[in-house]
Amino acid sequence: MSAKFDIAIRDRLSQRRGEWSEIAQQSGVSHSWISKFVNGRIPNPGYATLEKLSAVLGGRRRARTEPAPHRPA
C-alpha cells in the first residue's frame, strides 16, 4: 500500500470531521476506528479498509504507484 493513499484518506477524513458518523455508517468502518486512524493510533490501516473509506469519500480508489487492473482489448 502506498503511504500517499494512507495520508490522502487521513487528510480527507480530517476535513470532514463532523461527518464521521455518516461516513462510518456508509463505509462499514466504525466511528471509533476512524477517530483512531485520523489521530495516528492505527499505523497500518489495511488497504481494504482504506478502499471502503475512499469509496465513501469520493476519492481515487488506487494509489498511483499500484498498477491498473488488466483490461482485455
N, C-alpha and C. Protein backbone atom coordinates (compact mmCIF):
# COMPACT_ATOMS: atom_id res chain seq x y z
N MET A 1 0.85 -1.18 0.00
CA MET A 1 0.00 0.00 0.00
C MET A 1 0.89 1.23 0.00
N SER A 2 0.46 2.22 -0.71
CA SER A 2 1.19 3.47 -0.77
C SER A 2 0.89 4.34 0.44
N ALA A 3 1.95 4.91 1.00
CA ALA A 3 1.75 5.83 2.13
C ALA A 3 0.97 7.05 1.69
N LYS A 4 1.07 7.41 0.42
CA LYS A 4 0.33 8.57 -0.09
C LYS A 4 -1.17 8.33 -0.03
N PHE A 5 -1.60 7.12 -0.31
CA PHE A 5 -3.02 6.78 -0.25
C PHE A 5 -3.51 6.89 1.19
N ASP A 6 -2.73 6.36 2.11
CA ASP A 6 -2.99 6.42 3.54
C ASP A 6 -3.15 7.88 3.99
N ILE A 7 -2.22 8.73 3.62
CA ILE A 7 -2.23 10.14 4.01
C ILE A 7 -3.41 10.87 3.37
N ALA A 8 -3.72 10.55 2.11
CA ALA A 8 -4.83 11.21 1.42
C ALA A 8 -6.15 10.92 2.13
N ILE A 9 -6.36 9.68 2.53
CA ILE A 9 -7.60 9.32 3.23
C ILE A 9 -7.65 10.01 4.58
N ARG A 10 -6.54 10.01 5.30
CA ARG A 10 -6.49 10.67 6.61
C ARG A 10 -6.80 12.17 6.48
N ASP A 11 -6.24 12.81 5.47
CA ASP A 11 -6.49 14.24 5.25
C ASP A 11 -7.95 14.51 4.93
N ARG A 12 -8.54 13.68 4.07
CA ARG A 12 -9.95 13.89 3.73
C ARG A 12 -10.87 13.65 4.91
N LEU A 13 -10.54 12.67 5.74
CA LEU A 13 -11.33 12.44 6.95
C LEU A 13 -11.19 13.62 7.91
N SER A 14 -10.01 14.16 8.04
CA SER A 14 -9.79 15.31 8.91
C SER A 14 -10.64 16.50 8.47
N GLN A 15 -10.74 16.69 7.19
CA GLN A 15 -11.53 17.81 6.65
C GLN A 15 -13.03 17.61 6.86
N ARG A 16 -13.44 16.38 7.05
CA ARG A 16 -14.87 16.08 7.20
C ARG A 16 -15.19 15.53 8.59
N ARG A 17 -14.51 16.03 9.58
CA ARG A 17 -14.61 15.55 10.96
C ARG A 17 -16.05 15.49 11.46
N GLY A 18 -16.88 16.43 11.16
CA GLY A 18 -18.26 16.44 11.63
C GLY A 18 -19.14 15.40 10.96
N GLU A 19 -18.62 14.73 9.95
CA GLU A 19 -19.40 13.75 9.19
C GLU A 19 -18.99 12.31 9.46
N TRP A 20 -18.15 12.08 10.45
CA TRP A 20 -17.60 10.74 10.69
C TRP A 20 -18.67 9.69 10.95
N SER A 21 -19.72 10.04 11.66
CA SER A 21 -20.78 9.05 11.93
C SER A 21 -21.42 8.58 10.63
N GLU A 22 -21.70 9.52 9.75
CA GLU A 22 -22.29 9.18 8.46
C GLU A 22 -21.30 8.38 7.60
N ILE A 23 -20.05 8.80 7.58
CA ILE A 23 -19.02 8.09 6.82
C ILE A 23 -18.86 6.67 7.36
N ALA A 24 -18.87 6.54 8.66
CA ALA A 24 -18.75 5.22 9.29
C ALA A 24 -19.90 4.31 8.87
N GLN A 25 -21.09 4.83 8.92
CA GLN A 25 -22.27 4.04 8.56
C GLN A 25 -22.22 3.62 7.09
N GLN A 26 -21.86 4.54 6.21
CA GLN A 26 -21.84 4.24 4.77
C GLN A 26 -20.70 3.30 4.38
N SER A 27 -19.58 3.38 5.09
CA SER A 27 -18.41 2.58 4.72
C SER A 27 -18.34 1.23 5.43
N GLY A 28 -19.03 1.12 6.55
CA GLY A 28 -18.92 -0.10 7.35
C GLY A 28 -17.70 -0.11 8.24
N VAL A 29 -17.05 1.04 8.38
CA VAL A 29 -15.88 1.20 9.25
C VAL A 29 -16.37 1.97 10.48
N SER A 30 -16.04 1.52 11.67
CA SER A 30 -16.58 2.14 12.87
C SER A 30 -16.07 3.58 13.07
N HIS A 31 -16.90 4.36 13.73
CA HIS A 31 -16.54 5.74 14.07
C HIS A 31 -15.27 5.74 14.93
N SER A 32 -15.20 4.79 15.86
CA SER A 32 -14.03 4.67 16.73
C SER A 32 -12.75 4.42 15.92
N TRP A 33 -12.84 3.53 14.92
CA TRP A 33 -11.68 3.22 14.09
C TRP A 33 -11.25 4.47 13.32
N ILE A 34 -12.22 5.19 12.76
CA ILE A 34 -11.90 6.42 12.01
C ILE A 34 -11.18 7.41 12.91
N SER A 35 -11.68 7.60 14.12
CA SER A 35 -11.05 8.52 15.06
C SER A 35 -9.61 8.11 15.38
N LYS A 36 -9.42 6.84 15.66
CA LYS A 36 -8.07 6.34 15.96
C LYS A 36 -7.14 6.52 14.77
N PHE A 37 -7.63 6.23 13.57
CA PHE A 37 -6.82 6.36 12.37
C PHE A 37 -6.39 7.81 12.14
N VAL A 38 -7.34 8.73 12.21
CA VAL A 38 -7.04 10.14 11.98
C VAL A 38 -6.05 10.67 13.03
N ASN A 39 -6.15 10.15 14.24
CA ASN A 39 -5.26 10.60 15.31
C ASN A 39 -3.95 9.82 15.38
N GLY A 40 -3.67 9.00 14.36
CA GLY A 40 -2.39 8.33 14.25
C GLY A 40 -2.21 7.11 15.13
N ARG A 41 -3.29 6.55 15.65
CA ARG A 41 -3.17 5.39 16.53
C ARG A 41 -3.34 4.07 15.81
N ILE A 42 -3.51 4.12 14.49
CA ILE A 42 -3.57 2.89 13.69
C ILE A 42 -2.49 3.02 12.62
N PRO A 43 -1.31 2.46 12.88
CA PRO A 43 -0.17 2.64 11.98
C PRO A 43 -0.31 1.91 10.64
N ASN A 44 -1.02 0.79 10.61
CA ASN A 44 -1.16 0.02 9.39
C ASN A 44 -2.64 -0.27 9.16
N PRO A 45 -3.35 0.65 8.50
CA PRO A 45 -4.80 0.55 8.43
C PRO A 45 -5.36 -0.55 7.54
N GLY A 46 -4.61 -1.05 6.64
CA GLY A 46 -5.11 -2.09 5.73
C GLY A 46 -5.75 -1.48 4.50
N TYR A 47 -5.37 -1.99 3.37
CA TYR A 47 -5.82 -1.43 2.09
C TYR A 47 -7.32 -1.57 1.90
N ALA A 48 -7.90 -2.69 2.29
CA ALA A 48 -9.35 -2.90 2.10
C ALA A 48 -10.15 -1.86 2.87
N THR A 49 -9.72 -1.52 4.07
CA THR A 49 -10.42 -0.52 4.88
C THR A 49 -10.30 0.85 4.22
N LEU A 50 -9.11 1.19 3.73
CA LEU A 50 -8.93 2.47 3.05
C LEU A 50 -9.77 2.54 1.78
N GLU A 51 -9.91 1.42 1.09
CA GLU A 51 -10.75 1.37 -0.11
C GLU A 51 -12.21 1.69 0.24
N LYS A 52 -12.70 1.12 1.33
CA LYS A 52 -14.08 1.38 1.75
C LYS A 52 -14.28 2.87 2.04
N LEU A 53 -13.33 3.44 2.75
CA LEU A 53 -13.42 4.86 3.09
C LEU A 53 -13.30 5.73 1.83
N SER A 54 -12.41 5.36 0.95
CA SER A 54 -12.23 6.12 -0.28
C SER A 54 -13.49 6.14 -1.12
N ALA A 55 -14.19 5.02 -1.18
CA ALA A 55 -15.43 4.94 -1.95
C ALA A 55 -16.46 5.92 -1.41
N VAL A 56 -16.53 6.06 -0.10
CA VAL A 56 -17.49 6.98 0.52
C VAL A 56 -17.02 8.43 0.39
N LEU A 57 -15.72 8.64 0.52
CA LEU A 57 -15.18 10.00 0.46
C LEU A 57 -15.09 10.54 -0.96
N GLY A 58 -15.25 9.66 -1.95
CA GLY A 58 -15.26 10.11 -3.33
C GLY A 58 -13.90 10.37 -3.93
N GLY A 59 -12.90 9.70 -3.42
CA GLY A 59 -11.55 9.90 -3.94
C GLY A 59 -11.12 8.79 -4.86
N ARG A 60 -9.89 8.86 -5.24
CA ARG A 60 -9.36 7.80 -6.10
C ARG A 60 -9.37 6.49 -5.35
N ARG A 61 -9.46 5.42 -6.07
CA ARG A 61 -9.59 4.11 -5.44
C ARG A 61 -8.26 3.37 -5.38
N ARG A 62 -7.29 3.76 -6.17
CA ARG A 62 -5.98 3.11 -6.16
C ARG A 62 -4.90 4.15 -5.96
N ALA A 63 -3.86 3.77 -5.27
CA ALA A 63 -2.70 4.64 -5.18
C ALA A 63 -2.03 4.67 -6.54
N ARG A 64 -1.43 5.77 -6.87
CA ARG A 64 -0.80 5.92 -8.19
C ARG A 64 0.30 4.91 -8.43
N THR A 65 0.95 4.46 -7.39
CA THR A 65 2.07 3.54 -7.55
C THR A 65 1.63 2.11 -7.82
N GLU A 66 0.35 1.83 -7.68
CA GLU A 66 -0.13 0.48 -7.92
C GLU A 66 -0.57 0.33 -9.37
N PRO A 67 -0.30 -0.80 -9.97
CA PRO A 67 -0.68 -0.98 -11.38
C PRO A 67 -2.18 -1.04 -11.55
N ALA A 68 -2.62 -0.54 -12.67
CA ALA A 68 -4.05 -0.62 -13.00
C ALA A 68 -4.39 -2.06 -13.33
N PRO A 69 -5.63 -2.46 -13.08
CA PRO A 69 -6.01 -3.84 -13.42
C PRO A 69 -5.96 -4.05 -14.91
N HIS A 70 -5.66 -5.27 -15.32
CA HIS A 70 -5.59 -5.61 -16.73
C HIS A 70 -7.00 -5.64 -17.33
N ARG A 71 -7.16 -4.97 -18.44
CA ARG A 71 -8.45 -4.98 -19.14
C ARG A 71 -8.22 -5.50 -20.55
N PRO A 72 -8.85 -6.62 -20.87
CA PRO A 72 -8.67 -7.17 -22.21
C PRO A 72 -9.18 -6.21 -23.28
N ALA A 73 -8.54 -6.24 -24.42
CA ALA A 73 -8.91 -5.33 -25.52
C ALA A 73 -10.16 -5.77 -26.22
